């Protein structure tokens, strides 16, 4: 059995039909404003940039606000002797930020050492030294390594109300078909 090889012949086919692409998409995670109150003095998060743990997203009254993808948002002040799941998340944040060498044996309990690490963390973001963690210092990231699509913060304006969307991320197309 032999094969025949022939030169291709150019052809132009004109067939005009209207096509529609019907796509189904899910929106990307949104980053909401936290408990910070004051004037936005700097915005460092930019569209197209990756938002990762410990990255400075913006400043309020000259104090950095950092992103952190904890399992739960920080919702209350935390001082030595405070106990709970948010305390364990705070210990992880303090380790990531370099203010604490390692999480304590009882991570759900804030200790004297936690208070000292909170003070170091506060100073590193431009806040006055204190042993009480302010939940407004941290912006809850609903996932790790998010890419900002739009940043809804403006220098000179008041911080948005808690829960207002401040950063959107791209959605994902889940299906598409030609109609």
Foldseek 3Di string as FASTA:
>chain_A
DDDDDDDDDDDDDDDDDDKDKDFDWDFFDFWWAADDWAFWAFADADAQDWQAFPDFGTDGPQFTAHEDADPDQDDDKDAAQQFDPVQLVLQVSLCVVVLDVHQDPRSRGHHPSQLSSQQVVCVVRPHHGGSIHDSNSYTHDNDGTFGFRDAQHDGGDIGDDTGHGGTTGGIGTPDMDMD
